[in-house]
Amino acid sequence: MSLAQPAYPRKRAPTAVGHAGRVRHLELGGPVPPGKRVVRREAAKAVVEREGRLLLLLTPRTGDHKLPGGGVQTGETHEQTLDRELQEETGRALARLGPAVLHVVERRADAHDADAVFEMASTYYRAEVSDDVGRTRLDDYERELGLIPVWTTPAAALAAHEVLLASGTAPPWTARETQVLRLLLAGEL
């Protein structure tokens, strides 16, 4: 399936690969409280779809899913980050980078510093991956979570997230990824 032809509905015309389209913006978590330090992290995430299924990372213990991608390292472009992260997390190389479709700024209390707010700025790109699957090279925390690359429908992942969010046991990224899944299903990305 091409980057411009997702299986779920779109409310806007498809964008050709490599051309800038309208990037939707979303903020989660509200403004930074006065006097709080901000710990910022920039991430690039891949929206990879084939035959109506998304390439997601499943945490078997909790049942949550997240789109592949991760933190941008010093000197890396988003394309380099996505190629590295896709290989590490899914064993697949980035075959083609499409347009950015979403920019999410998420703020929450910093888990390591009571005087700080953690701010994650994630840019989501349409992408294609290679058919060849190599060995994953997960980070320590990803190994502890037991992340497994899976192809699943956005609706199935969203249903699992809604159960987790209602239970109060969802990992911190679940709210962000739930919003992304909702936008995908609504045809807004």
N, C-alpha and C. Protein backbone atom coordinates (compact mmCIF):
# COMPACT_ATOMS: atom_id res chain seq x y z
N MET A 1 0.84 -1.16 0.00
CA MET A 1 0.00 0.00 0.00
C MET A 1 0.89 1.23 0.00
N SER A 2 0.56 2.21 -0.80
CA SER A 2 1.39 3.41 -0.87
C SER A 2 1.12 4.32 0.32
N LEU A 3 2.04 5.21 0.56
CA LEU A 3 1.89 6.14 1.67
C LEU A 3 0.66 7.02 1.50
N ALA A 4 0.25 7.27 0.29
CA ALA A 4 -0.86 8.19 0.05
C ALA A 4 -2.21 7.50 0.06
N GLN A 5 -2.28 6.19 0.28
CA GLN A 5 -3.54 5.48 0.18
C GLN A 5 -3.85 4.62 1.41
N PRO A 6 -4.06 5.23 2.60
CA PRO A 6 -4.38 4.41 3.77
C PRO A 6 -5.74 3.72 3.60
N ALA A 7 -5.92 2.60 4.27
CA ALA A 7 -7.14 1.82 4.14
C ALA A 7 -8.33 2.46 4.85
N TYR A 8 -8.07 3.29 5.86
CA TYR A 8 -9.17 3.94 6.56
C TYR A 8 -9.41 5.29 5.92
N PRO A 9 -10.59 5.90 6.17
CA PRO A 9 -10.96 7.11 5.44
C PRO A 9 -10.05 8.31 5.73
N ARG A 10 -9.94 9.19 4.76
CA ARG A 10 -9.20 10.44 4.92
C ARG A 10 -10.17 11.58 4.68
N LYS A 11 -10.04 12.64 5.44
CA LYS A 11 -10.88 13.81 5.25
C LYS A 11 -10.23 14.84 4.33
N ARG A 12 -8.95 14.63 4.01
CA ARG A 12 -8.27 15.54 3.10
C ARG A 12 -7.60 14.73 2.01
N ALA A 13 -7.25 15.39 0.95
CA ALA A 13 -6.62 14.69 -0.18
C ALA A 13 -5.28 14.11 0.25
N PRO A 14 -4.90 12.96 -0.30
CA PRO A 14 -3.60 12.38 0.02
C PRO A 14 -2.47 13.31 -0.38
N THR A 15 -1.35 13.18 0.30
CA THR A 15 -0.16 13.98 0.02
C THR A 15 0.88 13.06 -0.61
N ALA A 16 1.51 13.53 -1.65
CA ALA A 16 2.55 12.73 -2.30
C ALA A 16 3.75 12.59 -1.38
N VAL A 17 4.44 11.47 -1.49
CA VAL A 17 5.64 11.24 -0.68
C VAL A 17 6.64 12.35 -0.96
N GLY A 18 7.20 12.89 0.13
CA GLY A 18 8.23 13.90 -0.01
C GLY A 18 7.72 15.32 -0.12
N HIS A 19 6.42 15.52 -0.20
CA HIS A 19 5.86 16.86 -0.25
C HIS A 19 5.21 17.20 1.08
N ALA A 20 5.43 18.41 1.51
CA ALA A 20 4.87 18.82 2.80
C ALA A 20 3.36 19.00 2.66
N GLY A 21 2.62 18.37 3.53
CA GLY A 21 1.18 18.55 3.60
C GLY A 21 0.87 19.30 4.88
N ARG A 22 -0.38 19.42 5.18
CA ARG A 22 -0.79 20.08 6.41
C ARG A 22 -0.48 19.16 7.58
N VAL A 23 0.25 19.65 8.54
CA VAL A 23 0.58 18.87 9.73
C VAL A 23 -0.37 19.28 10.84
N ARG A 24 -1.08 18.33 11.36
CA ARG A 24 -2.01 18.60 12.46
C ARG A 24 -1.21 18.73 13.76
N HIS A 25 -1.65 19.63 14.64
CA HIS A 25 -0.98 19.84 15.93
C HIS A 25 -1.92 19.48 17.06
N LEU A 26 -1.37 18.85 18.10
CA LEU A 26 -2.16 18.42 19.25
C LEU A 26 -1.34 18.65 20.51
N GLU A 27 -1.94 19.23 21.53
CA GLU A 27 -1.28 19.42 22.82
C GLU A 27 -2.03 18.64 23.88
N LEU A 28 -1.28 17.91 24.69
CA LEU A 28 -1.84 17.10 25.78
C LEU A 28 -1.18 17.51 27.09
N GLY A 29 -1.95 17.67 28.13
CA GLY A 29 -1.37 17.91 29.44
C GLY A 29 -1.36 19.34 29.91
N GLY A 30 -1.80 20.28 29.10
CA GLY A 30 -1.90 21.66 29.55
C GLY A 30 -0.59 22.41 29.58
N PRO A 31 -0.65 23.68 30.03
CA PRO A 31 0.55 24.52 30.05
C PRO A 31 1.49 24.14 31.20
N VAL A 32 2.70 24.66 31.10
CA VAL A 32 3.70 24.44 32.15
C VAL A 32 3.35 25.35 33.33
N PRO A 33 3.20 24.79 34.54
CA PRO A 33 2.91 25.62 35.72
C PRO A 33 4.05 26.60 36.00
N PRO A 34 3.72 27.79 36.49
CA PRO A 34 4.76 28.77 36.81
C PRO A 34 5.79 28.19 37.79
N GLY A 35 7.05 28.51 37.54
CA GLY A 35 8.13 28.08 38.43
C GLY A 35 8.65 26.69 38.19
N LYS A 36 8.03 25.94 37.30
CA LYS A 36 8.49 24.57 37.00
C LYS A 36 9.51 24.59 35.86
N ARG A 37 10.56 23.79 36.03
CA ARG A 37 11.52 23.57 34.97
C ARG A 37 10.89 22.64 33.94
N VAL A 38 11.35 22.75 32.71
CA VAL A 38 10.85 21.87 31.65
C VAL A 38 11.99 20.99 31.15
N VAL A 39 11.77 19.69 31.20
CA VAL A 39 12.71 18.71 30.64
C VAL A 39 12.11 18.29 29.31
N ARG A 40 12.79 18.66 28.23
CA ARG A 40 12.26 18.42 26.88
C ARG A 40 12.91 17.21 26.21
N ARG A 41 12.09 16.52 25.43
CA ARG A 41 12.58 15.41 24.61
C ARG A 41 11.88 15.51 23.26
N GLU A 42 12.63 15.32 22.21
CA GLU A 42 12.09 15.34 20.85
C GLU A 42 12.09 13.92 20.31
N ALA A 43 11.00 13.54 19.67
CA ALA A 43 10.89 12.18 19.13
C ALA A 43 10.33 12.22 17.71
N ALA A 44 10.65 11.21 16.94
CA ALA A 44 10.08 10.98 15.62
C ALA A 44 9.40 9.62 15.66
N LYS A 45 8.18 9.54 15.13
CA LYS A 45 7.39 8.32 15.16
C LYS A 45 6.93 7.97 13.75
N ALA A 46 6.79 6.68 13.47
CA ALA A 46 6.42 6.21 12.14
C ALA A 46 5.00 5.66 12.13
N VAL A 47 4.21 6.10 11.16
CA VAL A 47 2.88 5.55 10.90
C VAL A 47 3.05 4.67 9.67
N VAL A 48 3.16 3.36 9.91
CA VAL A 48 3.41 2.39 8.84
C VAL A 48 2.17 1.54 8.70
N GLU A 49 1.56 1.59 7.52
CA GLU A 49 0.33 0.84 7.29
C GLU A 49 0.48 -0.08 6.09
N ARG A 50 -0.07 -1.28 6.24
CA ARG A 50 -0.16 -2.24 5.14
C ARG A 50 -1.49 -2.95 5.24
N GLU A 51 -2.24 -2.89 4.16
CA GLU A 51 -3.50 -3.62 4.06
C GLU A 51 -4.40 -3.40 5.27
N GLY A 52 -4.51 -2.15 5.70
CA GLY A 52 -5.41 -1.81 6.80
C GLY A 52 -4.87 -2.08 8.19
N ARG A 53 -3.64 -2.53 8.27
CA ARG A 53 -3.02 -2.80 9.57
C ARG A 53 -1.85 -1.86 9.78
N LEU A 54 -1.63 -1.52 11.05
CA LEU A 54 -0.51 -0.67 11.44
C LEU A 54 0.59 -1.51 12.06
N LEU A 55 1.83 -1.10 11.82
CA LEU A 55 2.97 -1.70 12.51
C LEU A 55 3.08 -1.00 13.85
N LEU A 56 2.85 -1.74 14.92
CA LEU A 56 2.85 -1.20 16.28
C LEU A 56 3.75 -2.04 17.16
N LEU A 57 4.09 -1.48 18.30
CA LEU A 57 4.85 -2.21 19.32
C LEU A 57 3.90 -2.55 20.44
N LEU A 58 3.73 -3.82 20.72
CA LEU A 58 2.84 -4.33 21.75
C LEU A 58 3.62 -4.62 23.02
N THR A 59 3.08 -4.17 24.15
CA THR A 59 3.61 -4.56 25.46
C THR A 59 2.69 -5.67 25.96
N PRO A 60 3.12 -6.93 25.90
CA PRO A 60 2.24 -8.04 26.26
C PRO A 60 1.69 -7.96 27.69
N ARG A 61 2.51 -7.50 28.62
CA ARG A 61 2.10 -7.46 30.03
C ARG A 61 0.89 -6.54 30.25
N THR A 62 0.86 -5.40 29.55
CA THR A 62 -0.23 -4.44 29.75
C THR A 62 -1.24 -4.44 28.62
N GLY A 63 -0.82 -4.86 27.42
CA GLY A 63 -1.71 -4.87 26.27
C GLY A 63 -1.76 -3.55 25.51
N ASP A 64 -0.87 -2.62 25.86
CA ASP A 64 -0.87 -1.34 25.13
C ASP A 64 -0.02 -1.46 23.88
N HIS A 65 -0.26 -0.53 22.96
CA HIS A 65 0.47 -0.46 21.70
C HIS A 65 1.05 0.94 21.55
N LYS A 66 2.20 1.04 20.89
CA LYS A 66 2.71 2.34 20.52
C LYS A 66 3.32 2.27 19.14
N LEU A 67 3.29 3.39 18.46
CA LEU A 67 3.89 3.44 17.14
C LEU A 67 5.40 3.42 17.29
N PRO A 68 6.10 2.77 16.36
CA PRO A 68 7.56 2.72 16.46
C PRO A 68 8.18 4.10 16.27
N GLY A 69 9.31 4.28 16.88
CA GLY A 69 10.04 5.54 16.81
C GLY A 69 10.61 5.85 18.17
N GLY A 70 11.26 6.98 18.28
CA GLY A 70 11.85 7.33 19.56
C GLY A 70 12.60 8.62 19.52
N GLY A 71 13.41 8.81 20.53
CA GLY A 71 14.13 10.05 20.74
C GLY A 71 15.14 10.36 19.65
N VAL A 72 15.15 11.64 19.26
CA VAL A 72 16.10 12.13 18.27
C VAL A 72 17.42 12.39 18.99
N GLN A 73 18.47 11.74 18.52
CA GLN A 73 19.79 11.92 19.12
C GLN A 73 20.48 13.14 18.52
N THR A 74 21.42 13.71 19.25
CA THR A 74 22.16 14.88 18.80
C THR A 74 22.74 14.64 17.41
N GLY A 75 22.47 15.58 16.50
CA GLY A 75 22.99 15.50 15.15
C GLY A 75 22.16 14.66 14.19
N GLU A 76 21.12 13.99 14.66
CA GLU A 76 20.28 13.16 13.79
C GLU A 76 19.15 13.97 13.17
N THR A 77 18.82 13.62 11.93
CA THR A 77 17.59 14.11 11.33
C THR A 77 16.45 13.18 11.78
N HIS A 78 15.22 13.59 11.55
CA HIS A 78 14.09 12.71 11.88
C HIS A 78 14.14 11.44 11.04
N GLU A 79 14.56 11.56 9.79
CA GLU A 79 14.66 10.38 8.93
C GLU A 79 15.68 9.39 9.48
N GLN A 80 16.83 9.89 9.93
CA GLN A 80 17.85 9.01 10.52
C GLN A 80 17.33 8.37 11.81
N THR A 81 16.63 9.16 12.61
CA THR A 81 16.06 8.63 13.85
C THR A 81 15.09 7.50 13.55
N LEU A 82 14.21 7.72 12.58
CA LEU A 82 13.22 6.69 12.27
C LEU A 82 13.87 5.43 11.71
N ASP A 83 14.87 5.58 10.86
CA ASP A 83 15.54 4.39 10.34
C ASP A 83 16.18 3.60 11.49
N ARG A 84 16.88 4.31 12.37
CA ARG A 84 17.53 3.64 13.52
C ARG A 84 16.50 2.99 14.42
N GLU A 85 15.47 3.73 14.79
CA GLU A 85 14.46 3.21 15.72
C GLU A 85 13.66 2.05 15.12
N LEU A 86 13.30 2.15 13.84
CA LEU A 86 12.58 1.04 13.21
C LEU A 86 13.41 -0.23 13.21
N GLN A 87 14.70 -0.11 12.91
CA GLN A 87 15.57 -1.29 12.93
C GLN A 87 15.70 -1.84 14.35
N GLU A 88 15.88 -0.95 15.33
CA GLU A 88 16.03 -1.40 16.71
C GLU A 88 14.76 -2.07 17.24
N GLU A 89 13.60 -1.45 16.95
CA GLU A 89 12.35 -1.91 17.57
C GLU A 89 11.60 -2.97 16.77
N THR A 90 11.74 -2.94 15.43
CA THR A 90 10.96 -3.87 14.60
C THR A 90 11.81 -4.80 13.75
N GLY A 91 13.11 -4.52 13.65
CA GLY A 91 13.97 -5.31 12.78
C GLY A 91 13.84 -4.95 11.32
N ARG A 92 13.10 -3.90 11.00
CA ARG A 92 12.86 -3.49 9.62
C ARG A 92 13.50 -2.13 9.36
N ALA A 93 14.07 -1.96 8.19
CA ALA A 93 14.66 -0.67 7.80
C ALA A 93 13.58 0.25 7.25
N LEU A 94 13.80 1.54 7.38
CA LEU A 94 12.94 2.54 6.76
C LEU A 94 13.18 2.46 5.26
N ALA A 95 12.13 2.19 4.49
CA ALA A 95 12.25 2.10 3.04
C ALA A 95 11.91 3.44 2.38
N ARG A 96 10.98 4.17 2.99
CA ARG A 96 10.53 5.42 2.40
C ARG A 96 9.89 6.28 3.48
N LEU A 97 10.33 7.53 3.56
CA LEU A 97 9.75 8.46 4.52
C LEU A 97 8.76 9.35 3.80
N GLY A 98 7.54 9.37 4.31
CA GLY A 98 6.51 10.23 3.75
C GLY A 98 6.41 11.52 4.53
N PRO A 99 5.32 12.22 4.36
CA PRO A 99 5.18 13.52 5.01
C PRO A 99 4.88 13.40 6.50
N ALA A 100 5.24 14.46 7.21
CA ALA A 100 4.82 14.57 8.60
C ALA A 100 3.31 14.81 8.58
N VAL A 101 2.58 14.11 9.46
CA VAL A 101 1.13 14.26 9.50
C VAL A 101 0.62 14.77 10.84
N LEU A 102 1.47 14.71 11.88
CA LEU A 102 1.00 15.10 13.20
C LEU A 102 2.19 15.51 14.06
N HIS A 103 1.99 16.57 14.86
CA HIS A 103 2.99 16.99 15.85
C HIS A 103 2.25 17.06 17.19
N VAL A 104 2.70 16.26 18.15
CA VAL A 104 2.06 16.20 19.47
C VAL A 104 3.04 16.71 20.52
N VAL A 105 2.58 17.66 21.31
CA VAL A 105 3.35 18.11 22.47
C VAL A 105 2.59 17.62 23.69
N GLU A 106 3.27 16.78 24.47
CA GLU A 106 2.66 16.15 25.65
C GLU A 106 3.44 16.60 26.88
N ARG A 107 2.71 17.06 27.90
CA ARG A 107 3.36 17.47 29.15
C ARG A 107 2.77 16.70 30.31
N ARG A 108 3.67 16.29 31.22
CA ARG A 108 3.24 15.60 32.45
C ARG A 108 4.32 15.81 33.50
N ALA A 109 3.99 15.49 34.74
CA ALA A 109 4.97 15.60 35.82
C ALA A 109 6.18 14.76 35.48
N ASP A 110 7.37 15.29 35.75
CA ASP A 110 8.60 14.54 35.51
C ASP A 110 8.73 13.47 36.58
N ALA A 111 8.91 12.23 36.16
CA ALA A 111 9.00 11.11 37.10
C ALA A 111 10.25 11.15 37.96
N HIS A 112 11.26 11.92 37.57
CA HIS A 112 12.54 11.95 38.27
C HIS A 112 12.82 13.25 39.01
N ASP A 113 11.98 14.27 38.81
CA ASP A 113 12.23 15.58 39.40
C ASP A 113 10.90 16.25 39.71
N ALA A 114 10.58 16.38 41.00
CA ALA A 114 9.30 16.97 41.42
C ALA A 114 9.16 18.44 41.02
N ASP A 115 10.28 19.11 40.75
CA ASP A 115 10.24 20.52 40.36
C ASP A 115 10.21 20.72 38.85
N ALA A 116 10.00 19.65 38.10
CA ALA A 116 10.06 19.75 36.65
C ALA A 116 8.82 19.15 35.99
N VAL A 117 8.59 19.59 34.76
CA VAL A 117 7.56 19.04 33.89
C VAL A 117 8.29 18.39 32.72
N PHE A 118 7.90 17.17 32.38
CA PHE A 118 8.45 16.47 31.23
C PHE A 118 7.63 16.85 30.01
N GLU A 119 8.29 17.32 28.95
CA GLU A 119 7.61 17.71 27.72
C GLU A 119 8.16 16.89 26.56
N MET A 120 7.30 16.09 25.98
CA MET A 120 7.67 15.24 24.83
C MET A 120 7.03 15.85 23.59
N ALA A 121 7.86 16.21 22.61
CA ALA A 121 7.39 16.72 21.32
C ALA A 121 7.62 15.63 20.29
N SER A 122 6.55 15.02 19.81
CA SER A 122 6.64 13.89 18.88
C SER A 122 6.08 14.28 17.53
N THR A 123 6.85 14.04 16.47
CA THR A 123 6.38 14.27 15.11
C THR A 123 6.15 12.90 14.47
N TYR A 124 4.95 12.72 13.94
CA TYR A 124 4.54 11.45 13.33
C TYR A 124 4.60 11.60 11.81
N TYR A 125 5.23 10.61 11.16
CA TYR A 125 5.40 10.60 9.71
C TYR A 125 4.78 9.36 9.11
N ARG A 126 4.15 9.51 7.94
CA ARG A 126 3.80 8.34 7.15
C ARG A 126 5.12 7.72 6.70
N ALA A 127 5.20 6.41 6.68
CA ALA A 127 6.44 5.75 6.30
C ALA A 127 6.16 4.37 5.75
N GLU A 128 7.13 3.85 5.02
CA GLU A 128 7.12 2.47 4.56
C GLU A 128 8.37 1.79 5.08
N VAL A 129 8.28 0.49 5.34
CA VAL A 129 9.42 -0.27 5.84
C VAL A 129 9.76 -1.39 4.88
N SER A 130 10.96 -1.91 5.01
CA SER A 130 11.41 -3.02 4.17
C SER A 130 10.60 -4.28 4.49
N ASP A 131 10.58 -5.18 3.53
CA ASP A 131 9.96 -6.49 3.76
C ASP A 131 10.88 -7.39 4.57
N ASP A 132 12.17 -7.17 4.45
CA ASP A 132 13.16 -7.97 5.17
C ASP A 132 13.10 -7.64 6.66
N VAL A 133 13.09 -8.69 7.48
CA VAL A 133 13.04 -8.50 8.92
C VAL A 133 14.32 -9.05 9.54
N GLY A 134 15.05 -8.17 10.20
CA GLY A 134 16.27 -8.58 10.89
C GLY A 134 16.00 -8.72 12.38
N ARG A 135 17.07 -8.83 13.13
CA ARG A 135 16.99 -8.95 14.58
C ARG A 135 16.72 -7.58 15.19
N THR A 136 15.84 -7.53 16.19
CA THR A 136 15.62 -6.28 16.90
C THR A 136 16.77 -6.04 17.87
N ARG A 137 16.97 -4.78 18.23
CA ARG A 137 18.01 -4.40 19.19
C ARG A 137 17.38 -3.42 20.19
N LEU A 138 16.56 -3.95 21.06
CA LEU A 138 15.81 -3.12 21.99
C LEU A 138 16.71 -2.53 23.06
N ASP A 139 16.34 -1.30 23.51
CA ASP A 139 16.98 -0.70 24.67
C ASP A 139 16.60 -1.51 25.91
N ASP A 140 17.32 -1.32 27.00
CA ASP A 140 17.04 -2.06 28.23
C ASP A 140 15.59 -1.92 28.67
N TYR A 141 15.06 -0.68 28.70
CA TYR A 141 13.68 -0.49 29.17
C TYR A 141 12.68 -1.13 28.21
N GLU A 142 12.99 -1.14 26.90
CA GLU A 142 12.11 -1.78 25.93
C GLU A 142 12.11 -3.30 26.12
N ARG A 143 13.28 -3.85 26.43
CA ARG A 143 13.39 -5.30 26.72
C ARG A 143 12.59 -5.64 27.97
N GLU A 144 12.69 -4.78 29.01
CA GLU A 144 11.93 -5.01 30.25
C GLU A 144 10.43 -5.00 29.99
N LEU A 145 9.99 -4.12 29.08
CA LEU A 145 8.57 -4.08 28.73
C LEU A 145 8.16 -5.29 27.88
N GLY A 146 9.13 -5.93 27.25
CA GLY A 146 8.84 -7.08 26.38
C GLY A 146 8.24 -6.67 25.05
N LEU A 147 8.59 -5.47 24.55
CA LEU A 147 7.99 -4.96 23.31
C LEU A 147 8.13 -5.95 22.16
N ILE A 148 7.01 -6.15 21.45
CA ILE A 148 6.96 -7.05 20.31
C ILE A 148 6.36 -6.28 19.13
N PRO A 149 7.03 -6.27 17.97
CA PRO A 149 6.41 -5.64 16.80
C PRO A 149 5.26 -6.50 16.29
N VAL A 150 4.11 -5.86 16.04
CA VAL A 150 2.92 -6.56 15.54
C VAL A 150 2.24 -5.71 14.48
N TRP A 151 1.53 -6.38 13.59
CA TRP A 151 0.66 -5.70 12.64
C TRP A 151 -0.76 -5.90 13.16
N THR A 152 -1.46 -4.81 13.42
CA THR A 152 -2.82 -4.91 13.93
C THR A 152 -3.64 -3.74 13.40
N THR A 153 -4.95 -3.84 13.52
CA THR A 153 -5.79 -2.75 13.03
C THR A 153 -5.80 -1.62 14.06
N PRO A 154 -5.96 -0.39 13.59
CA PRO A 154 -6.08 0.72 14.53
C PRO A 154 -7.25 0.53 15.49
N ALA A 155 -8.35 -0.06 15.01
CA ALA A 155 -9.52 -0.26 15.86
C ALA A 155 -9.22 -1.24 17.00
N ALA A 156 -8.49 -2.31 16.72
CA ALA A 156 -8.15 -3.27 17.78
C ALA A 156 -7.22 -2.65 18.80
N ALA A 157 -6.23 -1.89 18.34
CA ALA A 157 -5.32 -1.22 19.28
C ALA A 157 -6.07 -0.19 20.11
N LEU A 158 -6.97 0.56 19.48
CA LEU A 158 -7.74 1.56 20.21
C LEU A 158 -8.62 0.92 21.28
N ALA A 159 -9.26 -0.19 20.95
CA ALA A 159 -10.11 -0.88 21.94
C ALA A 159 -9.28 -1.32 23.15
N ALA A 160 -8.09 -1.85 22.92
CA ALA A 160 -7.22 -2.26 24.03
C ALA A 160 -6.82 -1.05 24.87
N HIS A 161 -6.53 0.08 24.23
CA HIS A 161 -6.14 1.29 24.95
C HIS A 161 -7.29 1.83 25.80
N GLU A 162 -8.49 1.80 25.26
CA GLU A 162 -9.63 2.32 26.02
C GLU A 162 -9.86 1.52 27.29
N VAL A 163 -9.68 0.21 27.22
CA VAL A 163 -9.80 -0.63 28.42
C VAL A 163 -8.71 -0.27 29.43
N LEU A 164 -7.49 -0.13 28.96
CA LEU A 164 -6.37 0.23 29.85
C LEU A 164 -6.57 1.59 30.50
N LEU A 165 -6.98 2.58 29.71
CA LEU A 165 -7.18 3.92 30.26
C LEU A 165 -8.30 3.92 31.30
N ALA A 166 -9.37 3.17 31.04
CA ALA A 166 -10.48 3.10 32.00
C ALA A 166 -10.06 2.41 33.29
N SER A 167 -9.10 1.49 33.21
CA SER A 167 -8.66 0.74 34.40
C SER A 167 -7.70 1.55 35.27
N GLY A 168 -7.12 2.61 34.69
CA GLY A 168 -6.14 3.40 35.43
C GLY A 168 -4.76 2.77 35.48
N THR A 169 -4.52 1.73 34.69
CA THR A 169 -3.23 1.03 34.73
C THR A 169 -2.39 1.25 33.47
N ALA A 170 -2.80 2.20 32.64
CA ALA A 170 -2.11 2.41 31.37
C ALA A 170 -0.75 3.07 31.57
N PRO A 171 0.25 2.64 30.79
CA PRO A 171 1.55 3.34 30.80
C PRO A 171 1.36 4.79 30.37
N PRO A 172 2.28 5.68 30.72
CA PRO A 172 2.09 7.11 30.47
C PRO A 172 1.90 7.49 29.01
N TRP A 173 2.46 6.75 28.07
CA TRP A 173 2.35 7.11 26.65
C TRP A 173 1.02 6.68 26.04
N THR A 174 0.23 5.91 26.76
CA THR A 174 -1.00 5.35 26.19
C THR A 174 -1.99 6.43 25.78
N ALA A 175 -2.12 7.48 26.58
CA ALA A 175 -3.07 8.56 26.24
C ALA A 175 -2.68 9.21 24.92
N ARG A 176 -1.38 9.47 24.72
CA ARG A 176 -0.91 10.09 23.48
C ARG A 176 -1.18 9.18 22.29
N GLU A 177 -0.79 7.91 22.40
CA GLU A 177 -0.97 6.99 21.28
C GLU A 177 -2.45 6.73 21.01
N THR A 178 -3.29 6.80 22.04
CA THR A 178 -4.74 6.65 21.85
C THR A 178 -5.27 7.79 20.99
N GLN A 179 -4.82 9.00 21.26
CA GLN A 179 -5.26 10.14 20.45
C GLN A 179 -4.84 9.96 18.99
N VAL A 180 -3.64 9.46 18.76
CA VAL A 180 -3.16 9.23 17.40
C VAL A 180 -4.04 8.18 16.71
N LEU A 181 -4.35 7.10 17.41
CA LEU A 181 -5.20 6.06 16.83
C LEU A 181 -6.59 6.61 16.50
N ARG A 182 -7.15 7.43 17.36
CA ARG A 182 -8.46 8.05 17.10
C ARG A 182 -8.42 8.92 15.84
N LEU A 183 -7.36 9.71 15.72
CA LEU A 183 -7.23 10.58 14.53
C LEU A 183 -7.07 9.74 13.27
N LEU A 184 -6.31 8.66 13.32
CA LEU A 184 -6.17 7.77 12.16
C LEU A 184 -7.52 7.17 11.77
N LEU A 185 -8.26 6.68 12.75
CA LEU A 185 -9.56 6.06 12.46
C LEU A 185 -10.58 7.06 11.94
N ALA A 186 -10.46 8.31 12.36
CA ALA A 186 -11.37 9.36 11.91
C ALA A 186 -10.97 9.89 10.52
N GLY A 187 -9.86 9.40 9.98
CA GLY A 187 -9.41 9.85 8.67
C GLY A 187 -8.80 11.24 8.69
N GLU A 188 -8.31 11.66 9.87
CA GLU A 188 -7.78 13.02 9.99
C GLU A 188 -6.26 13.10 9.89
N LEU A 189 -5.61 11.99 9.60
CA LEU A 189 -4.14 12.00 9.42
C LEU A 189 -3.79 11.39 8.06
